[in-house]
Structure formats: structure tokens, C-alpha cells
Amino acid sequence: AKANKAGGAARTRKLREAIELYGQAHAIDPDNVAVLTNRAAVHMALGRYGDAVNDCKKAVETAGRVRADAKLKARAYERMGKAELQRRDPEAALRAFEEARGVG
């Protein structure tokens, strides 16, 4: 329910509200990889690339621990790569994109 509300807030560009709601959803269901990757996307929309990278790293760790769908893990690496590009760290971005390609 919180994740759905967060998604709605993000779609209507209520980004700070979306961050808060995704945080609540993560507290309720810490194994939900999609919540972390979605919150990372909102962080990116706000220009908070370091926070996006941190959420993506948590998503990758969680995906491995709970054996989440490979697509979710790949999405986390892809978003991490995009955030690293915005942080002007092409080496880290390349590593993330290579990991995304190798998932599955």
C-alpha cells in the first residue's frame, strides 16, 4: 500500500513525498527490491545521485539475499550506472553497467 502511494506521488511529481513513502514501505518490507530501485529513481529526479547509488547498492545486496528476480537486480545496477554517470564517475558507471549486463 505504501509503495503504491509512493509510486502515485512520484508520477504526480510529488517527489519528496514519494521519498518519504518509499522509506515507510522499505521499513515495512525491507526485502522489497523494487521499493529501493524506485526510490533510487526518485532520488535521481531530485539530483541526489549519491542517495540513488546507496539505494541501488542496498537493492543489489537485498536481491542477492532474497534471490529476487534477475530483472530487478539488473535494474538496480542500471540505475546505479546512470547515477554514477551523473556523479561524473565513468569508471564506476561502467562497472555497474557491466554488472547489469551480466545478471541472469
PDB file of N, CA and C in Angstrom:
ATOM      1  N   ALA A   1       0.822  -1.194   0.000  1.00  0.00           N
ATOM      2  CA  ALA A   1       0.000   0.000   0.000  1.00  0.00           C
ATOM      3  C   ALA A   1       0.867   1.259   0.000  1.00  0.00           C
ATOM      4  N   LYS A   2       1.889   1.297   0.861  1.00  0.00           N
ATOM      5  CA  LYS A   2       2.780   2.463   0.900  1.00  0.00           C
ATOM      6  C   LYS A   2       3.545   2.598  -0.414  1.00  0.00           C
ATOM      7  N   ALA A   3       3.984   1.463  -0.973  1.00  0.00           N
ATOM      8  CA  ALA A   3       4.719   1.512  -2.236  1.00  0.00           C
ATOM      9  C   ALA A   3       3.827   2.036  -3.352  1.00  0.00           C
ATOM     10  N   ASN A   4       2.559   1.638  -3.355  1.00  0.00           N
ATOM     11  CA  ASN A   4       1.629   2.135  -4.370  1.00  0.00           C
ATOM     12  C   ASN A   4       1.416   3.634  -4.222  1.00  0.00           C
ATOM     13  N   LYS A   5       1.265   4.101  -2.989  1.00  0.00           N
ATOM     14  CA  LYS A   5       1.101   5.541  -2.751  1.00  0.00           C
ATOM     15  C   LYS A   5       2.361   6.292  -3.172  1.00  0.00           C
ATOM     16  N   ALA A   6       3.514   5.704  -2.894  1.00  0.00           N
ATOM     17  CA  ALA A   6       4.778   6.333  -3.273  1.00  0.00           C
ATOM     18  C   ALA A   6       4.879   6.448  -4.787  1.00  0.00           C
ATOM     19  N   GLY A   7       4.494   5.388  -5.488  1.00  0.00           N
ATOM     20  CA  GLY A   7       4.513   5.424  -6.948  1.00  0.00           C
ATOM     21  C   GLY A   7       3.595   6.497  -7.493  1.00  0.00           C
ATOM     22  N   GLY A   8       2.430   6.632  -6.887  1.00  0.00           N
ATOM     23  CA  GLY A   8       1.496   7.679  -7.297  1.00  0.00           C
ATOM     24  C   GLY A   8       2.067   9.060  -7.061  1.00  0.00           C
ATOM     25  N   ALA A   9       2.717   9.236  -5.928  1.00  0.00           N
ATOM     26  CA  ALA A   9       3.332  10.533  -5.620  1.00  0.00           C
ATOM     27  C   ALA A   9       4.444  10.841  -6.621  1.00  0.00           C
ATOM     28  N   ALA A  10       5.227   9.835  -6.968  1.00  0.00           N
ATOM     29  CA  ALA A  10       6.313  10.047  -7.929  1.00  0.00           C
ATOM     30  C   ALA A  10       5.759  10.421  -9.301  1.00  0.00           C
ATOM     31  N   ARG A  11       4.701   9.743  -9.721  1.00  0.00           N
ATOM     32  CA  ARG A  11       4.107  10.029 -11.038  1.00  0.00           C
ATOM     33  C   ARG A  11       3.525  11.430 -11.116  1.00  0.00           C
ATOM     34  N   THR A  12       3.065  11.953  -9.994  1.00  0.00           N
ATOM     35  CA  THR A  12       2.498  13.304  -9.985  1.00  0.00           C
ATOM     36  C   THR A  12       3.545  14.344  -9.576  1.00  0.00           C
ATOM     37  N   ARG A  13       4.812  13.926  -9.579  1.00  0.00           N
ATOM     38  CA  ARG A  13       5.951  14.802  -9.310  1.00  0.00           C
ATOM     39  C   ARG A  13       5.986  15.328  -7.874  1.00  0.00           C
ATOM     40  N   LYS A  14       5.346  14.620  -6.967  1.00  0.00           N
ATOM     41  CA  LYS A  14       5.456  14.940  -5.537  1.00  0.00           C
ATOM     42  C   LYS A  14       6.634  14.122  -5.002  1.00  0.00           C
ATOM     43  N   LEU A  15       7.821  14.524  -5.417  1.00  0.00           N
ATOM     44  CA  LEU A  15       8.995  13.682  -5.223  1.00  0.00           C
ATOM     45  C   LEU A  15       9.416  13.537  -3.770  1.00  0.00           C
ATOM     46  N   ARG A  16       9.371  14.596  -3.015  1.00  0.00           N
ATOM     47  CA  ARG A  16       9.761  14.484  -1.603  1.00  0.00           C
ATOM     48  C   ARG A  16       8.783  13.587  -0.841  1.00  0.00           C
ATOM     49  N   GLU A  17       7.505  13.694  -1.176  1.00  0.00           N
ATOM     50  CA  GLU A  17       6.507  12.803  -0.574  1.00  0.00           C
ATOM     51  C   GLU A  17       6.786  11.358  -0.976  1.00  0.00           C
ATOM     52  N   ALA A  18       7.156  11.154  -2.227  1.00  0.00           N
ATOM     53  CA  ALA A  18       7.463   9.805  -2.706  1.00  0.00           C
ATOM     54  C   ALA A  18       8.643   9.211  -1.945  1.00  0.00           C
ATOM     55  N   ILE A  19       9.684  10.008  -1.718  1.00  0.00           N
ATOM     56  CA  ILE A  19      10.850   9.535  -0.951  1.00  0.00           C
ATOM     57  C   ILE A  19      10.407   9.072   0.435  1.00  0.00           C
ATOM     58  N   GLU A  20       9.594   9.887   1.089  1.00  0.00           N
ATOM     59  CA  GLU A  20       9.103   9.554   2.432  1.00  0.00           C
ATOM     60  C   GLU A  20       8.293   8.257   2.410  1.00  0.00           C
ATOM     61  N   LEU A  21       7.392   8.134   1.444  1.00  0.00           N
ATOM     62  CA  LEU A  21       6.539   6.943   1.371  1.00  0.00           C
ATOM     63  C   LEU A  21       7.341   5.694   1.017  1.00  0.00           C
ATOM     64  N   TYR A  22       8.313   5.823   0.119  1.00  0.00           N
ATOM     65  CA  TYR A  22       9.166   4.669  -0.180  1.00  0.00           C
ATOM     66  C   TYR A  22       9.971   4.271   1.060  1.00  0.00           C
ATOM     67  N   GLY A  23      10.387   5.246   1.856  1.00  0.00           N
ATOM     68  CA  GLY A  23      11.084   4.938   3.108  1.00  0.00           C
ATOM     69  C   GLY A  23      10.203   4.156   4.065  1.00  0.00           C
ATOM     70  N   GLN A  24       8.942   4.565   4.165  1.00  0.00           N
ATOM     71  CA  GLN A  24       7.995   3.841   5.011  1.00  0.00           C
ATOM     72  C   GLN A  24       7.753   2.432   4.473  1.00  0.00           C
ATOM     73  N   ALA A  25       7.627   2.316   3.159  1.00  0.00           N
ATOM     74  CA  ALA A  25       7.411   0.997   2.550  1.00  0.00           C
ATOM     75  C   ALA A  25       8.612   0.092   2.806  1.00  0.00           C
ATOM     76  N   HIS A  26       9.818   0.658   2.719  1.00  0.00           N
ATOM     77  CA  HIS A  26      11.029  -0.123   2.965  1.00  0.00           C
ATOM     78  C   HIS A  26      11.094  -0.584   4.425  1.00  0.00           C
ATOM     79  N   ALA A  27      10.657   0.266   5.346  1.00  0.00           N
ATOM     80  CA  ALA A  27      10.645  -0.110   6.765  1.00  0.00           C
ATOM     81  C   ALA A  27       9.680  -1.268   7.016  1.00  0.00           C
ATOM     82  N   ILE A  28       8.569  -1.271   6.297  1.00  0.00           N
ATOM     83  CA  ILE A  28       7.569  -2.336   6.441  1.00  0.00           C
ATOM     84  C   ILE A  28       8.034  -3.624   5.777  1.00  0.00           C
ATOM     85  N   ASP A  29       8.656  -3.499   4.598  1.00  0.00           N
ATOM     86  CA  ASP A  29       9.077  -4.666   3.819  1.00  0.00           C
ATOM     87  C   ASP A  29      10.508  -4.460   3.321  1.00  0.00           C
ATOM     88  N   PRO A  30      11.497  -4.686   4.195  1.00  0.00           N
ATOM     89  CA  PRO A  30      12.885  -4.416   3.820  1.00  0.00           C
ATOM     90  C   PRO A  30      13.437  -5.334   2.728  1.00  0.00           C
ATOM     91  N   ASP A  31      12.719  -6.393   2.382  1.00  0.00           N
ATOM     92  CA  ASP A  31      13.171  -7.300   1.327  1.00  0.00           C
ATOM     93  C   ASP A  31      12.602  -6.948  -0.043  1.00  0.00           C
ATOM     94  N   ASN A  32      11.878  -5.851  -0.142  1.00  0.00           N
ATOM     95  CA  ASN A  32      11.263  -5.448  -1.406  1.00  0.00           C
ATOM     96  C   ASN A  32      12.277  -4.647  -2.227  1.00  0.00           C
ATOM     97  N   VAL A  33      12.881  -5.317  -3.193  1.00  0.00           N
ATOM     98  CA  VAL A  33      13.921  -4.710  -4.022  1.00  0.00           C
ATOM     99  C   VAL A  33      13.357  -3.571  -4.864  1.00  0.00           C
ATOM    100  N   ALA A  34      12.143  -3.735  -5.369  1.00  0.00           N
ATOM    101  CA  ALA A  34      11.537  -2.711  -6.226  1.00  0.00           C
ATOM    102  C   ALA A  34      11.371  -1.387  -5.486  1.00  0.00           C
ATOM    103  N   VAL A  35      11.069  -1.439  -4.201  1.00  0.00           N
ATOM    104  CA  VAL A  35      10.929  -0.205  -3.420  1.00  0.00           C
ATOM    105  C   VAL A  35      12.245   0.576  -3.447  1.00  0.00           C
ATOM    106  N   LEU A  36      13.348  -0.123  -3.284  1.00  0.00           N
ATOM    107  CA  LEU A  36      14.653   0.547  -3.281  1.00  0.00           C
ATOM    108  C   LEU A  36      15.014   1.099  -4.655  1.00  0.00           C
ATOM    109  N   THR A  37      14.777   0.321  -5.714  1.00  0.00           N
ATOM    110  CA  THR A  37      15.116   0.822  -7.049  1.00  0.00           C
ATOM    111  C   THR A  37      14.211   1.983  -7.443  1.00  0.00           C
ATOM    112  N   ASN A  38      12.961   1.929  -7.028  1.00  0.00           N
ATOM    113  CA  ASN A  38      12.054   3.042  -7.329  1.00  0.00           C
ATOM    114  C   ASN A  38      12.445   4.297  -6.551  1.00  0.00           C
ATOM    115  N   ARG A  39      12.823   4.112  -5.285  1.00  0.00           N
ATOM    116  CA  ARG A  39      13.256   5.275  -4.509  1.00  0.00           C
ATOM    117  C   ARG A  39      14.537   5.857  -5.112  1.00  0.00           C
ATOM    118  N   ALA A  40      15.402   4.995  -5.621  1.00  0.00           N
ATOM    119  CA  ALA A  40      16.619   5.478  -6.285  1.00  0.00           C
ATOM    120  C   ALA A  40      16.267   6.357  -7.482  1.00  0.00           C
ATOM    121  N   ALA A  41      15.250   5.954  -8.247  1.00  0.00           N
ATOM    122  CA  ALA A  41      14.832   6.753  -9.400  1.00  0.00           C
ATOM    123  C   ALA A  41      14.338   8.131  -8.964  1.00  0.00           C
ATOM    124  N   VAL A  42      13.629   8.182  -7.853  1.00  0.00           N
ATOM    125  CA  VAL A  42      13.139   9.470  -7.351  1.00  0.00           C
ATOM    126  C   VAL A  42      14.314  10.321  -6.861  1.00  0.00           C
ATOM    127  N   HIS A  43      15.268   9.693  -6.182  1.00  0.00           N
ATOM    128  CA  HIS A  43      16.468  10.434  -5.765  1.00  0.00           C
ATOM    129  C   HIS A  43      17.151  11.051  -6.988  1.00  0.00           C
ATOM    130  N   MET A  44      17.228  10.283  -8.070  1.00  0.00           N
ATOM    131  CA  MET A  44      17.860  10.801  -9.280  1.00  0.00           C
ATOM    132  C   MET A  44      17.086  11.994  -9.827  1.00  0.00           C
ATOM    133  N   ALA A  45      15.769  11.911  -9.811  1.00  0.00           N
ATOM    134  CA  ALA A  45      14.945  13.020 -10.300  1.00  0.00           C
ATOM    135  C   ALA A  45      15.177  14.283  -9.476  1.00  0.00           C
ATOM    136  N   LEU A  46      15.557  14.107  -8.222  1.00  0.00           N
ATOM    137  CA  LEU A  46      15.847  15.239  -7.337  1.00  0.00           C
ATOM    138  C   LEU A  46      17.317  15.674  -7.405  1.00  0.00           C
ATOM    139  N   GLY A  47      18.110  14.967  -8.210  1.00  0.00           N
ATOM    140  CA  GLY A  47      19.529  15.293  -8.304  1.00  0.00           C
ATOM    141  C   GLY A  47      20.356  14.776  -7.146  1.00  0.00           C
ATOM    142  N   ARG A  48      19.815  13.831  -6.394  1.00  0.00           N
ATOM    143  CA  ARG A  48      20.507  13.258  -5.233  1.00  0.00           C
ATOM    144  C   ARG A  48      21.150  11.938  -5.652  1.00  0.00           C
ATOM    145  N   TYR A  49      22.206  12.056  -6.441  1.00  0.00           N
ATOM    146  CA  TYR A  49      22.795  10.878  -7.070  1.00  0.00           C
ATOM    147  C   TYR A  49      23.491   9.962  -6.070  1.00  0.00           C
ATOM    148  N   GLY A  50      24.094  10.516  -5.039  1.00  0.00           N
ATOM    149  CA  GLY A  50      24.713   9.682  -4.010  1.00  0.00           C
ATOM    150  C   GLY A  50      23.686   8.830  -3.290  1.00  0.00           C
ATOM    151  N   ASP A  51      22.536   9.425  -2.969  1.00  0.00           N
ATOM    152  CA  ASP A  51      21.460   8.664  -2.331  1.00  0.00           C
ATOM    153  C   ASP A  51      20.938   7.583  -3.273  1.00  0.00           C
ATOM    154  N   ALA A  52      20.877   7.902  -4.563  1.00  0.00           N
ATOM    155  CA  ALA A  52      20.421   6.913  -5.547  1.00  0.00           C
ATOM    156  C   ALA A  52      21.383   5.730  -5.591  1.00  0.00           C
ATOM    157  N   VAL A  53      22.676   6.011  -5.614  1.00  0.00           N
ATOM    158  CA  VAL A  53      23.677   4.935  -5.627  1.00  0.00           C
ATOM    159  C   VAL A  53      23.541   4.083  -4.372  1.00  0.00           C
ATOM    160  N   ASN A  54      23.374   4.714  -3.224  1.00  0.00           N
ATOM    161  CA  ASN A  54      23.230   3.957  -1.973  1.00  0.00           C
ATOM    162  C   ASN A  54      22.015   3.039  -2.012  1.00  0.00           C
ATOM    163  N   ASP A  55      20.880   3.551  -2.507  1.00  0.00           N
ATOM    164  CA  ASP A  55      19.687   2.702  -2.607  1.00  0.00           C
ATOM    165  C   ASP A  55      19.914   1.556  -3.584  1.00  0.00           C
ATOM    166  N   CYS A  56      20.608   1.826  -4.676  1.00  0.00           N
ATOM    167  CA  CYS A  56      20.879   0.763  -5.648  1.00  0.00           C
ATOM    168  C   CYS A  56      21.784  -0.309  -5.047  1.00  0.00           C
ATOM    169  N   LYS A  57      22.777   0.106  -4.276  1.00  0.00           N
ATOM    170  CA  LYS A  57      23.654  -0.871  -3.617  1.00  0.00           C
ATOM    171  C   LYS A  57      22.853  -1.737  -2.648  1.00  0.00           C
ATOM    172  N   LYS A  58      21.960  -1.107  -1.881  1.00  0.00           N
ATOM    173  CA  LYS A  58      21.097  -1.873  -0.973  1.00  0.00           C
ATOM    174  C   LYS A  58      20.205  -2.824  -1.762  1.00  0.00           C
ATOM    175  N   ALA A  59      19.703  -2.364  -2.900  1.00  0.00           N
ATOM    176  CA  ALA A  59      18.830  -3.201  -3.726  1.00  0.00           C
ATOM    177  C   ALA A  59      19.578  -4.422  -4.244  1.00  0.00           C
ATOM    178  N   VAL A  60      20.815  -4.230  -4.690  1.00  0.00           N
ATOM    179  CA  VAL A  60      21.627  -5.346  -5.190  1.00  0.00           C
ATOM    180  C   VAL A  60      21.892  -6.345  -4.068  1.00  0.00           C
ATOM    181  N   GLU A  61      22.264  -5.844  -2.894  1.00  0.00           N
ATOM    182  CA  GLU A  61      22.520  -6.726  -1.747  1.00  0.00           C
ATOM    183  C   GLU A  61      21.256  -7.503  -1.374  1.00  0.00           C
ATOM    184  N   THR A  62      20.136  -6.798  -1.327  1.00  0.00           N
ATOM    185  CA  THR A  62      18.865  -7.434  -0.967  1.00  0.00           C
ATOM    186  C   THR A  62      18.468  -8.459  -2.013  1.00  0.00           C
ATOM    187  N   ALA A  63      18.624  -8.107  -3.281  1.00  0.00           N
ATOM    188  CA  ALA A  63      18.255  -9.026  -4.368  1.00  0.00           C
ATOM    189  C   ALA A  63      19.038 -10.328  -4.261  1.00  0.00           C
ATOM    190  N   GLY A  64      20.324 -10.222  -3.942  1.00  0.00           N
ATOM    191  CA  GLY A  64      21.135 -11.425  -3.783  1.00  0.00           C
ATOM    192  C   GLY A  64      20.705 -12.254  -2.584  1.00  0.00           C
ATOM    193  N   ARG A  65      20.374 -11.574  -1.503  1.00  0.00           N
ATOM    194  CA  ARG A  65      19.991 -12.272  -0.272  1.00  0.00           C
ATOM    195  C   ARG A  65      18.652 -12.981  -0.403  1.00  0.00           C
ATOM    196  N   VAL A  66      17.677 -12.322  -1.049  1.00  0.00           N
ATOM    197  CA  VAL A  66      16.328 -12.901  -1.134  1.00  0.00           C
ATOM    198  C   VAL A  66      16.091 -13.635  -2.453  1.00  0.00           C
ATOM    199  N   ARG A  67      17.140 -13.706  -3.268  1.00  0.00           N
ATOM    200  CA  ARG A  67      17.054 -14.358  -4.583  1.00  0.00           C
ATOM    201  C   ARG A  67      15.921 -13.751  -5.423  1.00  0.00           C
ATOM    202  N   ALA A  68      15.938 -12.435  -5.508  1.00  0.00           N
ATOM    203  CA  ALA A  68      14.919 -11.702  -6.270  1.00  0.00           C
ATOM    204  C   ALA A  68      15.091 -11.963  -7.759  1.00  0.00           C
ATOM    205  N   ASP A  69      14.073 -11.620  -8.506  1.00  0.00           N
ATOM    206  CA  ASP A  69      14.089 -11.744  -9.953  1.00  0.00           C
ATOM    207  C   ASP A  69      15.316 -11.031 -10.524  1.00  0.00           C
ATOM    208  N   ALA A  70      15.967 -11.656 -11.486  1.00  0.00           N
ATOM    209  CA  ALA A  70      17.182 -11.095 -12.075  1.00  0.00           C
ATOM    210  C   ALA A  70      16.935  -9.724 -12.695  1.00  0.00           C
ATOM    211  N   LYS A  71      15.743  -9.495 -13.211  1.00  0.00           N
ATOM    212  CA  LYS A  71      15.439  -8.198 -13.826  1.00  0.00           C
ATOM    213  C   LYS A  71      15.523  -7.070 -12.800  1.00  0.00           C
ATOM    214  N   LEU A  72      15.087  -7.343 -11.573  1.00  0.00           N
ATOM    215  CA  LEU A  72      15.160  -6.317 -10.524  1.00  0.00           C
ATOM    216  C   LEU A  72      16.609  -5.992 -10.174  1.00  0.00           C
ATOM    217  N   LYS A  73      17.431  -7.022 -10.109  1.00  0.00           N
ATOM    218  CA  LYS A  73      18.845  -6.806  -9.800  1.00  0.00           C
ATOM    219  C   LYS A  73      19.520  -6.039 -10.934  1.00  0.00           C
ATOM    220  N   ALA A  74      19.200  -6.405 -12.172  1.00  0.00           N
ATOM    221  CA  ALA A  74      19.767  -5.701 -13.319  1.00  0.00           C
ATOM    222  C   ALA A  74      19.325  -4.243 -13.332  1.00  0.00           C
ATOM    223  N   ARG A  75      18.065  -3.983 -12.995  1.00  0.00           N
ATOM    224  CA  ARG A  75      17.559  -2.608 -12.950  1.00  0.00           C
ATOM    225  C   ARG A  75      18.320  -1.797 -11.903  1.00  0.00           C
ATOM    226  N   ALA A  76      18.611  -2.413 -10.766  1.00  0.00           N
ATOM    227  CA  ALA A  76      19.364  -1.706  -9.726  1.00  0.00           C
ATOM    228  C   ALA A  76      20.752  -1.325 -10.241  1.00  0.00           C
ATOM    229  N   TYR A  77      21.427  -2.258 -10.907  1.00  0.00           N
ATOM    230  CA  TYR A  77      22.747  -1.945 -11.461  1.00  0.00           C
ATOM    231  C   TYR A  77      22.654  -0.868 -12.542  1.00  0.00           C
ATOM    232  N   GLU A  78      21.622  -0.940 -13.377  1.00  0.00           N
ATOM    233  CA  GLU A  78      21.459   0.052 -14.438  1.00  0.00           C
ATOM    234  C   GLU A  78      21.259   1.452 -13.850  1.00  0.00           C
ATOM    235  N   ARG A  79      20.400   1.551 -12.856  1.00  0.00           N
ATOM    236  CA  ARG A  79      20.169   2.859 -12.228  1.00  0.00           C
ATOM    237  C   ARG A  79      21.428   3.344 -11.511  1.00  0.00           C
ATOM    238  N   MET A  80      22.151   2.410 -10.923  1.00  0.00           N
ATOM    239  CA  MET A  80      23.402   2.788 -10.273  1.00  0.00           C
ATOM    240  C   MET A  80      24.365   3.377 -11.303  1.00  0.00           C
ATOM    241  N   GLY A  81      24.443   2.740 -12.463  1.00  0.00           N
ATOM    242  CA  GLY A  81      25.314   3.250 -13.521  1.00  0.00           C
ATOM    243  C   GLY A  81      24.918   4.641 -13.967  1.00  0.00           C
ATOM    244  N   LYS A  82      23.628   4.865 -14.137  1.00  0.00           N
ATOM    245  CA  LYS A  82      23.155   6.194 -14.543  1.00  0.00           C
ATOM    246  C   LYS A  82      23.482   7.245 -13.485  1.00  0.00           C
ATOM    247  N   ALA A  83      23.310   6.877 -12.228  1.00  0.00           N
ATOM    248  CA  ALA A  83      23.620   7.818 -11.147  1.00  0.00           C
ATOM    249  C   ALA A  83      25.119   8.109 -11.099  1.00  0.00           C
ATOM    250  N   GLU A  84      25.930   7.082 -11.301  1.00  0.00           N
ATOM    251  CA  GLU A  84      27.385   7.283 -11.295  1.00  0.00           C
ATOM    252  C   GLU A  84      27.811   8.193 -12.450  1.00  0.00           C
ATOM    253  N   LEU A  85      27.156   8.071 -13.598  1.00  0.00           N
ATOM    254  CA  LEU A  85      27.453   8.990 -14.701  1.00  0.00           C
ATOM    255  C   LEU A  85      27.152  10.426 -14.300  1.00  0.00           C
ATOM    256  N   GLN A  86      26.027  10.625 -13.623  1.00  0.00           N
ATOM    257  CA  GLN A  86      25.669  11.968 -13.172  1.00  0.00           C
ATOM    258  C   GLN A  86      26.659  12.489 -12.130  1.00  0.00           C
ATOM    259  N   ARG A  87      27.254  11.574 -11.397  1.00  0.00           N
ATOM    260  CA  ARG A  87      28.271  11.955 -10.399  1.00  0.00           C
ATOM    261  C   ARG A  87      29.636  12.132 -11.051  1.00  0.00           C
ATOM    262  N   ARG A  88      29.676  11.967 -12.352  1.00  0.00           N
ATOM    263  CA  ARG A  88      30.901  12.097 -13.145  1.00  0.00           C
ATOM    264  C   ARG A  88      31.959  11.070 -12.737  1.00  0.00           C
ATOM    265  N   ASP A  89      31.501   9.838 -12.553  1.00  0.00           N
ATOM    266  CA  ASP A  89      32.410   8.735 -12.242  1.00  0.00           C
ATOM    267  C   ASP A  89      32.202   7.651 -13.300  1.00  0.00           C
ATOM    268  N   PRO A  90      32.807   7.844 -14.482  1.00  0.00           N
ATOM    269  CA  PRO A  90      32.553   6.902 -15.573  1.00  0.00           C
ATOM    270  C   PRO A  90      33.046   5.481 -15.290  1.00  0.00           C
ATOM    271  N   GLU A  91      34.106   5.351 -14.497  1.00  0.00           N
ATOM    272  CA  GLU A  91      34.601   4.006 -14.185  1.00  0.00           C
ATOM    273  C   GLU A  91      33.578   3.237 -13.354  1.00  0.00           C
ATOM    274  N   ALA A  92      33.026   3.887 -12.342  1.00  0.00           N
ATOM    275  CA  ALA A  92      32.001   3.235 -11.518  1.00  0.00           C
ATOM    276  C   ALA A  92      30.756   2.952 -12.346  1.00  0.00           C
ATOM    277  N   ALA A  93      30.411   3.874 -13.232  1.00  0.00           N
ATOM    278  CA  ALA A  93      29.246   3.670 -14.097  1.00  0.00           C
ATOM    279  C   ALA A  93      29.456   2.453 -14.984  1.00  0.00           C
ATOM    280  N   LEU A  94      30.636   2.346 -15.582  1.00  0.00           N
ATOM    281  CA  LEU A  94      30.924   1.210 -16.459  1.00  0.00           C
ATOM    282  C   LEU A  94      30.843  -0.104 -15.691  1.00  0.00           C
ATOM    283  N   ARG A  95      31.391  -0.129 -14.482  1.00  0.00           N
ATOM    284  CA  ARG A  95      31.307  -1.353 -13.668  1.00  0.00           C
ATOM    285  C   ARG A  95      29.849  -1.732 -13.410  1.00  0.00           C
ATOM    286  N   ALA A  96      29.026  -0.746 -13.077  1.00  0.00           N
ATOM    287  CA  ALA A  96      27.612  -1.024 -12.802  1.00  0.00           C
ATOM    288  C   ALA A  96      26.905  -1.532 -14.055  1.00  0.00           C
ATOM    289  N   PHE A  97      27.168  -0.893 -15.203  1.00  0.00           N
ATOM    290  CA  PHE A  97      26.526  -1.334 -16.443  1.00  0.00           C
ATOM    291  C   PHE A  97      26.981  -2.745 -16.831  1.00  0.00           C
ATOM    292  N   GLU A  98      28.253  -3.057 -16.599  1.00  0.00           N
ATOM    293  CA  GLU A  98      28.742  -4.413 -16.883  1.00  0.00           C
ATOM    294  C   GLU A  98      28.075  -5.430 -15.967  1.00  0.00           C
ATOM    295  N   GLU A  99      27.887  -5.071 -14.706  1.00  0.00           N
ATOM    296  CA  GLU A  99      27.180  -5.964 -13.778  1.00  0.00           C
ATOM    297  C   GLU A  99      25.740  -6.172 -14.242  1.00  0.00           C
ATOM    298  N   ALA A 100      25.092  -5.106 -14.686  1.00  0.00           N
ATOM    299  CA  ALA A 100      23.705  -5.218 -15.168  1.00  0.00           C
ATOM    300  C   ALA A 100      23.632  -6.184 -16.335  1.00  0.00           C
ATOM    301  N   ARG A 101      24.586  -6.076 -17.231  1.00  0.00           N
ATOM    302  CA  ARG A 101      24.597  -6.946 -18.410  1.00  0.00           C
ATOM    303  C   ARG A 101      24.839  -8.406 -18.024  1.00  0.00           C
ATOM    304  N   GLY A 102      25.608  -8.623 -16.967  1.00  0.00           N
ATOM    305  CA  GLY A 102      25.956  -9.980 -16.570  1.00  0.00           C
ATOM    306  C   GLY A 102      24.948 -10.666 -15.669  1.00  0.00           C
ATOM    307  N   VAL A 103      23.912  -9.952 -15.238  1.00  0.00           N
ATOM    308  CA  VAL A 103      22.913 -10.538 -14.341  1.00  0.00           C
ATOM    309  C   VAL A 103      22.067 -11.537 -15.106  1.00  0.00           C
ATOM    310  N   GLY A 104      21.762 -12.639 -14.439  1.00  0.00           N
ATOM    311  CA  GLY A 104      20.851 -13.593 -15.054  1.00  0.00           C
ATOM    312  C   GLY A 104      21.553 -14.821 -15.362  1.00  0.00           C
TER     313      GLY A 104
END
